[in-house]
Amino acid sequence: KIFQAVVSCIGGDGTIYVIPKLFETALNKLMAEIQNTFKGLGLLIPYCWKKGEACVVRGSDTVWYRAKIVEVSGSTLQVQYIDRGYIESIPQCHLYPTTFYTGIPPFCIPCQLYKTLPIGNFWQQDAVDYLQELLKNEEVEIHVKELPDNPWGKLSISLYFGGMSLSSFMAYQKYCIAEDCQDIEKLGVFEGDVSPSYLLQPLPVPGETFPVTVTHLVSPKEIYICLDSSGNLAKHSARERAASDSDSLNKALKWCNKIVKTLPHLTNFKKELPCLAEYVDGLWYRAKLLSITQLVPVQILVQFVDYGTYLVAPTSRLRHIPCHLLKYPVQAVRVLLAGFRPASDDKNVERIPYSPEWSLKALWTMVDCVEGKRLSASILTVSPEVTISLYGDDKNLVHLKLIEMGLAELDQ
């Protein structure tokens, strides 16, 4: 069985507590009912608590939770939140004994990694801390491997985050030994003999109009577009795939940003080599190497393949890309716009340095025409280069504005 779940906590012994996504509605309903039933403070009169006794606990967030007594120690009790998994020491005044809701099973499931042996035969504190930092409150995919011998035992699972196996990742970090380490290579830590490359984005058929977003402009005529997933996807399989790929890619990249410090720096600077690169916003994105622009210190020109944008970066901002990130097609597609060319009488002195046939004013005008706008496109040709007609939210060709301003002219 495979299901999506949210990790609620990591126990001190490395137990992974998960709440299946299917349970969320029922858990929220129960929590609302508990809040309506219990109000104010906990039990203020003396009470003889017993280990294993059911109760409700008023947490530090002033919300009441189902719990059970784990240990009795004077005026402080150790309790376990049965729908979350975590254990906490609580003053008696924040507890209330109850037999309400005891017929409802706990919503969180205790799990252990299947055929995974921690170093030293138990999870060390630094490994537990790392698991907590990596997984807490995150959505993961659970593959059930073995059921426990008793109903209260731990489920043996394989856990995947962002397409990676947690067992293999923790083994790579030297926290454990995993019997099945086939996924370690998917972390991208071994270059191997094969040069990896990105998949290209499948495009809609020529003549079909589809929503797009412009992610980067090289010149008024050369741009990068992404297929917009916000349109009606019911009958457009290419856009449907693009939307699904984009969502899955974003989730995988979010996980990669959490573990990026564990990925090796690049040592091979082969042209077109896929990698992860850090953008100016401090986040890491998929990129490819284009050229070495400076030798001392080394500076590399990279292109962010899902946007089309470029960056010159030091080697400290480039890392190996996990191989599973290569299965998602590049999101940005380089296209040429049809129907216009630079104006032969454009008197603007400031030109685009790498494309001097165009004025900077023409570029900024085109930026204003496409930035933040609801655009649509239609493919005219795919060879030798992808050429499109690009329409604004008023359904008119976007380049007409440049022609009106004398910055471009019609190209028949």
Protein backbone atom coordinates (compact mmCIF):
# COMPACT_ATOMS: atom_id res chain seq x y z
CA LYS A 1 0.00 0.00 0.00
CA ILE A 2 1.18 3.50 -0.87
CA PHE A 3 -0.23 6.67 0.67
CA GLN A 4 0.59 10.34 1.22
CA ALA A 5 1.12 11.47 4.80
CA VAL A 6 2.38 14.37 6.90
CA VAL A 7 5.19 13.68 9.37
CA SER A 8 3.97 14.94 12.75
CA CYS A 9 7.13 14.22 14.73
CA ILE A 10 10.23 12.08 15.16
CA GLY A 11 10.42 10.17 18.45
CA GLY A 12 13.58 10.17 20.55
CA ASP A 13 14.22 6.58 19.42
CA GLY A 14 13.88 7.51 15.74
CA THR A 15 10.25 6.43 15.41
CA ILE A 16 8.61 8.36 12.56
CA TYR A 17 5.04 9.39 13.36
CA VAL A 18 2.90 10.11 10.31
CA ILE A 19 -0.69 11.26 9.80
CA PRO A 20 -2.17 9.93 6.52
CA LYS A 21 -3.64 12.70 4.38
CA LEU A 22 -6.87 10.67 4.23
CA PHE A 23 -7.26 11.12 7.99
CA GLU A 24 -6.91 14.90 8.03
CA THR A 25 -10.61 15.78 7.69
CA ALA A 26 -11.66 13.36 10.46
CA LEU A 27 -8.84 14.58 12.74
CA ASN A 28 -9.80 18.23 12.23
CA LYS A 29 -13.43 17.38 13.03
CA LEU A 30 -12.40 15.57 16.24
CA MET A 31 -10.13 18.46 17.29
CA ALA A 32 -12.99 20.95 16.83
CA GLU A 33 -15.25 18.74 18.95
CA ILE A 34 -12.62 18.51 21.72
CA GLN A 35 -12.25 22.31 21.81
CA ASN A 36 -16.02 22.68 22.22
CA THR A 37 -16.13 20.09 25.02
CA PHE A 38 -13.16 21.26 27.10
CA LYS A 39 -12.71 24.91 27.94
CA GLY A 40 -10.71 26.81 30.52
CA LEU A 41 -8.00 25.21 32.67
CA GLY A 42 -7.20 21.58 33.42
CA LEU A 43 -8.07 19.64 36.57
CA LEU A 44 -7.13 21.81 39.57
CA ILE A 45 -8.03 19.38 42.39
CA PRO A 46 -5.64 16.56 43.46
CA TYR A 47 -5.91 13.46 41.30
CA CYS A 48 -4.08 10.13 41.33
CA TRP A 49 -2.81 9.70 37.78
CA LYS A 50 -1.92 6.26 36.45
CA LYS A 51 0.47 5.27 33.69
CA GLY A 52 -1.42 4.62 30.42
CA GLU A 53 -4.46 6.64 31.52
CA ALA A 54 -6.34 8.58 28.85
CA CYS A 55 -6.57 12.36 29.18
CA VAL A 56 -6.75 15.61 27.28
CA VAL A 57 -3.86 18.06 27.42
CA ARG A 58 -3.89 21.82 27.05
CA GLY A 59 -0.84 22.47 24.88
CA SER A 60 1.40 25.53 24.87
CA ASP A 61 -0.74 26.81 21.98
CA THR A 62 -3.79 26.70 24.38
CA VAL A 63 -5.37 23.97 22.18
CA TRP A 64 -6.67 20.76 23.79
CA TYR A 65 -5.29 17.43 22.48
CA ARG A 66 -5.93 13.76 23.16
CA ALA A 67 -3.10 12.18 25.15
CA LYS A 68 -2.11 9.35 27.45
CA ILE A 69 0.07 9.28 30.57
CA VAL A 70 3.52 7.85 29.86
CA GLU A 71 5.16 8.50 33.22
CA VAL A 72 4.09 9.94 36.60
CA SER A 73 6.70 12.05 38.37
CA GLY A 74 5.46 14.27 41.22
CA SER A 75 3.52 17.31 40.03
CA THR A 76 4.77 16.89 36.46
CA LEU A 77 3.49 14.19 34.14
CA GLN A 78 5.03 12.87 30.95
CA VAL A 79 2.32 12.55 28.31
CA GLN A 80 2.18 11.44 24.70
CA TYR A 81 -0.07 13.26 22.27
CA ILE A 82 -1.67 10.21 20.69
CA ASP A 83 -2.72 11.98 17.46
CA ARG A 84 0.70 13.61 16.99
CA GLY A 85 3.16 11.16 18.57
CA TYR A 86 5.37 13.55 20.51
CA ILE A 87 6.06 13.22 24.22
CA GLU A 88 6.16 16.18 26.59
CA SER A 89 6.38 16.90 30.32
CA ILE A 90 3.26 18.78 31.43
CA PRO A 91 2.18 20.25 34.83
CA GLN A 92 -0.91 18.47 36.20
CA CYS A 93 -2.97 21.67 35.98
CA HIS A 94 -2.92 21.42 32.17
CA LEU A 95 -4.43 17.91 32.05
CA TYR A 96 -7.92 16.54 32.42
CA PRO A 97 -8.76 12.83 32.79
CA THR A 98 -11.42 11.64 30.37
CA THR A 99 -12.97 8.54 28.88
CA PHE A 100 -14.31 10.61 25.97
CA TYR A 101 -12.96 9.71 22.52
CA THR A 102 -11.09 6.61 23.78
CA GLY A 103 -13.00 4.50 21.24
CA ILE A 104 -11.41 6.43 18.36
CA PRO A 105 -8.00 5.00 17.32
CA PRO A 106 -4.99 7.38 17.21
CA PHE A 107 -4.75 9.26 13.93
CA CYS A 108 -0.95 9.12 13.75
CA ILE A 109 0.89 5.92 12.86
CA PRO A 110 4.29 5.02 14.38
CA CYS A 111 6.68 3.85 11.66
CA GLN A 112 10.20 2.51 11.29
CA LEU A 113 12.37 2.36 8.16
CA TYR A 114 12.29 -1.07 6.52
CA LYS A 115 15.56 -3.06 6.58
CA THR A 116 17.46 -0.04 7.84
CA LEU A 117 20.00 -0.44 10.67
CA PRO A 118 21.10 2.69 12.55
CA ILE A 119 24.82 3.02 13.28
CA GLY A 120 25.35 1.57 16.78
CA ASN A 121 22.00 -0.29 16.56
CA PHE A 122 19.99 2.74 17.70
CA TRP A 123 19.39 6.19 16.24
CA GLN A 124 21.97 8.62 17.59
CA GLN A 125 20.74 12.00 18.84
CA ASP A 126 22.25 13.92 15.89
CA ALA A 127 20.44 11.58 13.47
CA VAL A 128 17.13 12.10 15.31
CA ASP A 129 17.66 15.89 15.25
CA TYR A 130 18.42 15.75 11.53
CA LEU A 131 15.30 13.67 10.80
CA GLN A 132 13.21 16.11 12.83
CA GLU A 133 14.62 19.12 10.96
CA LEU A 134 14.20 17.43 7.58
CA LEU A 135 10.76 15.85 7.94
CA LYS A 136 8.62 17.55 10.60
CA ASN A 137 5.31 18.85 9.19
CA GLU A 138 6.35 17.84 5.66
CA GLU A 139 4.25 15.80 3.24
CA VAL A 140 5.88 12.50 2.23
CA GLU A 141 5.05 9.30 0.39
CA ILE A 142 4.78 6.11 2.44
CA HIS A 143 5.27 2.62 0.99
CA VAL A 144 4.10 -0.02 3.47
CA LYS A 145 6.51 -3.00 3.59
CA GLU A 146 5.50 -4.99 6.70
CA LEU A 147 2.66 -4.80 9.19
CA PRO A 148 3.50 -4.91 12.92
CA ASP A 149 3.00 -8.07 14.96
CA ASN A 150 0.61 -6.23 17.30
CA PRO A 151 -1.80 -3.34 16.61
CA TRP A 152 0.30 -0.88 18.65
CA GLY A 153 3.61 -1.80 16.98
CA LYS A 154 5.51 0.11 14.35
CA LEU A 155 4.70 -0.09 10.66
CA SER A 156 7.76 -1.00 8.57
CA ILE A 157 7.92 1.44 5.67
CA SER A 158 9.96 2.95 2.88
CA LEU A 159 9.60 6.74 3.01
CA TYR A 160 10.13 8.96 -0.03
CA PHE A 161 10.55 12.72 0.04
CA GLY A 162 10.78 14.65 -3.22
CA GLY A 163 11.33 11.37 -5.08
CA MET A 164 14.22 10.24 -2.84
CA SER A 165 14.34 7.28 -0.47
CA LEU A 166 14.88 8.39 3.14
CA SER A 167 16.75 5.14 3.98
CA SER A 168 19.19 5.65 1.13
CA PHE A 169 19.65 9.32 1.94
CA MET A 170 20.37 8.63 5.63
CA ALA A 171 22.78 5.83 4.60
CA TYR A 172 24.57 8.29 2.31
CA GLN A 173 24.83 10.63 5.32
CA LYS A 174 26.42 7.73 7.29
CA TYR A 175 23.62 7.68 9.88
CA CYS A 176 22.60 4.09 9.10
CA ILE A 177 23.07 1.06 6.86
CA ALA A 178 20.26 0.40 4.42
CA GLU A 179 19.91 -3.05 2.91
CA ASP A 180 18.49 -1.60 -0.29
CA CYS A 181 20.73 1.30 -1.28
CA GLN A 182 19.88 1.34 -4.97
CA ASP A 183 18.52 4.88 -4.65
CA ILE A 184 21.80 6.35 -3.44
CA GLU A 185 22.93 6.89 -7.00
CA LYS A 186 19.76 8.87 -7.59
CA LEU A 187 21.14 11.47 -5.19
CA GLY A 188 23.48 12.44 -8.00
CA VAL A 189 26.63 11.92 -5.95
CA PHE A 190 28.19 9.70 -8.61
CA GLU A 191 28.85 11.18 -12.02
CA GLY A 192 29.30 7.83 -13.74
CA ASP A 193 30.35 7.54 -17.37
CA VAL A 194 27.12 8.84 -18.87
CA SER A 195 26.67 12.60 -19.18
CA PRO A 196 23.16 13.38 -17.89
CA SER A 197 20.91 15.77 -19.76
CA TYR A 198 17.50 17.36 -19.35
CA LEU A 199 14.33 16.25 -21.11
CA LEU A 200 12.65 18.70 -23.47
CA GLN A 201 9.15 19.98 -22.84
CA PRO A 202 6.50 18.38 -25.14
CA LEU A 203 4.72 21.17 -27.01
CA PRO A 204 1.09 21.57 -28.11
CA VAL A 205 0.36 20.88 -31.77
CA PRO A 206 0.89 23.79 -34.21
CA GLY A 207 -2.21 25.91 -34.68
CA GLU A 208 -3.60 25.27 -31.19
CA THR A 209 -3.86 28.34 -28.94
CA PHE A 210 -2.64 27.77 -25.38
CA PRO A 211 -1.96 29.96 -22.31
CA VAL A 212 1.67 30.84 -21.58
CA THR A 213 3.79 32.85 -19.18
CA VAL A 214 6.88 34.71 -20.36
CA THR A 215 9.75 33.98 -17.97
CA HIS A 216 12.66 35.73 -19.69
CA LEU A 217 13.29 38.09 -22.61
CA VAL A 218 16.57 37.97 -24.53
CA SER A 219 15.30 40.54 -27.07
CA PRO A 220 11.84 41.68 -28.21
CA LYS A 221 11.85 38.77 -30.67
CA GLU A 222 13.60 36.02 -28.65
CA ILE A 223 11.90 34.99 -25.40
CA TYR A 224 11.41 32.04 -23.05
CA ILE A 225 7.89 30.85 -22.26
CA CYS A 226 6.33 28.35 -19.85
CA LEU A 227 3.11 26.53 -20.59
CA ASP A 228 0.63 28.07 -18.17
CA SER A 229 -1.08 25.44 -16.01
CA SER A 230 -3.79 27.85 -14.82
CA GLY A 231 -5.84 27.54 -18.03
CA ASN A 232 -8.53 24.98 -18.80
CA LEU A 233 -6.61 21.70 -19.05
CA ALA A 234 -9.53 19.37 -19.65
CA LYS A 235 -8.73 18.59 -23.26
CA HIS A 236 -5.09 19.56 -23.63
CA SER A 237 -2.86 16.65 -22.71
CA ALA A 238 0.44 18.51 -23.31
CA ARG A 239 -0.56 21.29 -20.91
CA GLU A 240 -1.97 18.71 -18.50
CA ARG A 241 1.41 16.96 -18.38
CA ALA A 242 3.20 20.30 -18.05
CA ALA A 243 1.03 21.27 -15.06
CA SER A 244 1.64 17.92 -13.34
CA ASP A 245 5.39 18.05 -14.05
CA SER A 246 5.65 21.61 -12.79
CA ASP A 247 3.88 20.79 -9.52
CA SER A 248 5.99 17.67 -8.90
CA LEU A 249 9.19 19.52 -9.83
CA ASN A 250 8.42 22.34 -7.40
CA LYS A 251 7.93 19.83 -4.59
CA ALA A 252 11.18 18.02 -5.46
CA LEU A 253 13.09 21.32 -5.59
CA LYS A 254 11.71 22.33 -2.20
CA TRP A 255 13.18 19.14 -0.73
CA CYS A 256 16.48 19.68 -2.55
CA ASN A 257 16.76 23.12 -0.97
CA LYS A 258 16.47 21.46 2.45
CA ILE A 259 19.29 18.99 1.76
CA VAL A 260 21.42 21.06 -0.61
CA LYS A 261 24.37 21.32 1.82
CA THR A 262 24.74 17.53 1.67
CA LEU A 263 25.19 17.56 -2.12
CA PRO A 264 28.78 17.78 -3.43
CA HIS A 265 30.13 20.87 -5.18
CA LEU A 266 30.72 20.56 -8.91
CA THR A 267 34.20 19.53 -10.02
CA ASN A 268 33.36 18.89 -13.67
CA PHE A 269 32.59 22.00 -15.75
CA LYS A 270 31.58 20.39 -19.01
CA LYS A 271 29.37 22.55 -21.23
CA GLU A 272 25.61 21.80 -20.95
CA LEU A 273 26.17 19.77 -17.75
CA PRO A 274 23.03 19.82 -15.55
CA CYS A 275 23.52 21.12 -12.01
CA LEU A 276 21.85 22.96 -9.15
CA ALA A 277 22.69 26.66 -8.96
CA GLU A 278 21.92 29.21 -6.26
CA TYR A 279 19.98 32.23 -7.52
CA VAL A 280 20.12 35.73 -6.02
CA ASP A 281 17.08 34.92 -3.85
CA GLY A 282 19.16 32.34 -1.94
CA LEU A 283 17.22 29.37 -3.37
CA TRP A 284 18.62 26.59 -5.56
CA TYR A 285 17.20 25.81 -8.99
CA ARG A 286 17.93 23.51 -11.91
CA ALA A 287 20.54 24.91 -14.27
CA LYS A 288 23.08 23.97 -16.92
CA LEU A 289 26.65 25.12 -17.47
CA LEU A 290 27.33 27.31 -20.49
CA SER A 291 30.91 28.59 -20.22
CA ILE A 292 33.74 29.60 -17.89
CA THR A 293 33.82 33.41 -17.90
CA GLN A 294 36.76 33.89 -15.53
CA LEU A 295 39.58 31.64 -14.31
CA VAL A 296 40.80 33.43 -11.15
CA PRO A 297 38.59 33.12 -9.25
CA VAL A 298 36.56 30.68 -11.35
CA GLN A 299 33.24 32.16 -12.52
CA ILE A 300 30.74 30.07 -14.50
CA LEU A 301 27.94 31.28 -16.76
CA VAL A 302 24.84 29.13 -16.11
CA GLN A 303 21.30 29.16 -17.41
CA PHE A 304 18.31 28.32 -15.22
CA VAL A 305 16.54 25.84 -17.45
CA ASP A 306 13.06 26.32 -15.98
CA TYR A 307 13.11 30.09 -16.52
CA GLY A 308 15.64 30.83 -19.28
CA THR A 309 17.51 33.39 -17.16
CA TYR A 310 21.30 33.54 -16.92
CA LEU A 311 23.72 34.04 -14.04
CA VAL A 312 27.48 34.23 -13.60
CA ALA A 313 28.21 32.28 -10.41
CA PRO A 314 31.26 31.14 -8.42
CA THR A 315 31.74 27.38 -7.99
CA SER A 316 30.52 27.67 -4.37
CA ARG A 317 27.01 28.31 -5.75
CA LEU A 318 27.00 25.21 -7.99
CA ARG A 319 26.27 21.66 -6.81
CA HIS A 320 25.58 18.22 -8.22
CA ILE A 321 21.97 17.71 -9.22
CA PRO A 322 20.14 14.65 -7.86
CA CYS A 323 19.43 12.40 -10.83
CA HIS A 324 15.71 12.14 -10.10
CA LEU A 325 15.40 15.86 -10.93
CA LEU A 326 16.39 15.06 -14.51
CA LYS A 327 13.15 13.19 -15.19
CA TYR A 328 11.15 16.43 -15.27
CA PRO A 329 11.20 18.23 -18.65
CA VAL A 330 12.67 21.74 -18.72
CA GLN A 331 9.85 24.18 -18.03
CA ALA A 332 11.08 27.12 -20.14
CA VAL A 333 10.99 26.89 -23.94
CA ARG A 334 13.02 29.24 -26.13
CA VAL A 335 10.85 30.67 -28.92
CA LEU A 336 11.02 33.35 -31.60
CA LEU A 337 8.08 35.71 -32.13
CA ALA A 338 6.75 35.93 -35.67
CA GLY A 339 5.38 38.88 -37.62
CA PHE A 340 7.79 41.75 -36.89
CA ARG A 341 11.40 42.88 -37.12
CA PRO A 342 13.49 45.79 -35.81
CA ALA A 343 12.44 49.18 -37.19
CA SER A 344 14.92 50.38 -39.78
CA ASP A 345 14.41 54.00 -38.71
CA ASP A 346 14.57 53.48 -34.92
CA LYS A 347 16.62 56.52 -33.82
CA ASN A 348 17.09 55.41 -30.18
CA VAL A 349 20.83 55.45 -29.48
CA GLU A 350 20.82 52.97 -26.60
CA ARG A 351 20.97 49.48 -28.07
CA ILE A 352 20.96 45.94 -26.60
CA PRO A 353 24.72 45.16 -26.45
CA TYR A 354 24.37 41.51 -27.53
CA SER A 355 21.58 42.24 -30.04
CA PRO A 356 22.29 45.76 -31.39
CA GLU A 357 19.61 45.59 -34.06
CA TRP A 358 17.13 46.26 -31.23
CA SER A 359 16.94 49.38 -29.05
CA LEU A 360 16.71 49.11 -25.28
CA LYS A 361 13.44 51.05 -25.48
CA ALA A 362 11.98 48.29 -27.68
CA LEU A 363 13.06 45.69 -25.11
CA TRP A 364 11.52 47.55 -22.15
CA THR A 365 8.33 48.18 -24.10
CA MET A 366 8.05 44.45 -24.79
CA VAL A 367 8.69 43.74 -21.09
CA ASP A 368 5.73 46.01 -20.24
CA CYS A 369 3.58 44.17 -22.80
CA VAL A 370 4.18 40.70 -21.33
CA GLU A 371 5.09 41.10 -17.63
CA GLY A 372 2.32 39.87 -15.35
CA LYS A 373 -0.10 39.55 -18.27
CA ARG A 374 -2.43 36.68 -19.24
CA LEU A 375 -0.88 35.66 -22.55
CA SER A 376 -1.67 33.01 -25.13
CA ALA A 377 0.38 31.59 -27.96
CA SER A 378 0.05 29.57 -31.12
CA ILE A 379 2.93 27.62 -32.64
CA LEU A 380 3.63 28.39 -36.30
CA THR A 381 6.75 26.26 -36.87
CA VAL A 382 8.93 23.98 -34.74
CA SER A 383 11.89 23.75 -37.12
CA PRO A 384 14.56 25.04 -37.44
CA GLU A 385 13.40 27.00 -34.39
CA VAL A 386 10.13 27.15 -32.48
CA THR A 387 8.28 30.19 -33.81
CA ILE A 388 5.04 31.44 -32.28
CA SER A 389 2.44 34.16 -32.45
CA LEU A 390 2.02 35.71 -29.00
CA TYR A 391 -1.25 37.35 -27.96
CA GLY A 392 -1.99 39.66 -25.03
CA ASP A 393 -4.96 39.47 -22.67
CA ASP A 394 -6.87 41.63 -25.18
CA LYS A 395 -6.34 38.84 -27.78
CA ASN A 396 -4.22 41.18 -29.94
CA LEU A 397 -0.66 40.37 -31.03
CA VAL A 398 1.71 41.79 -28.41
CA HIS A 399 4.15 43.23 -30.95
CA LEU A 400 1.56 45.66 -32.34
CA LYS A 401 2.45 48.07 -29.51
CA LEU A 402 6.07 48.18 -30.72
CA ILE A 403 4.92 48.87 -34.28
CA GLU A 404 2.63 51.70 -33.08
CA MET A 405 5.58 53.29 -31.28
CA GLY A 406 7.90 52.96 -34.28
CA LEU A 407 10.17 50.50 -32.47
CA ALA A 408 9.46 47.62 -34.87
CA GLU A 409 7.91 47.05 -38.28
CA LEU A 410 5.78 44.33 -39.79
CA ASP A 411 7.66 41.41 -41.27
CA GLN A 412 5.73 39.64 -43.97
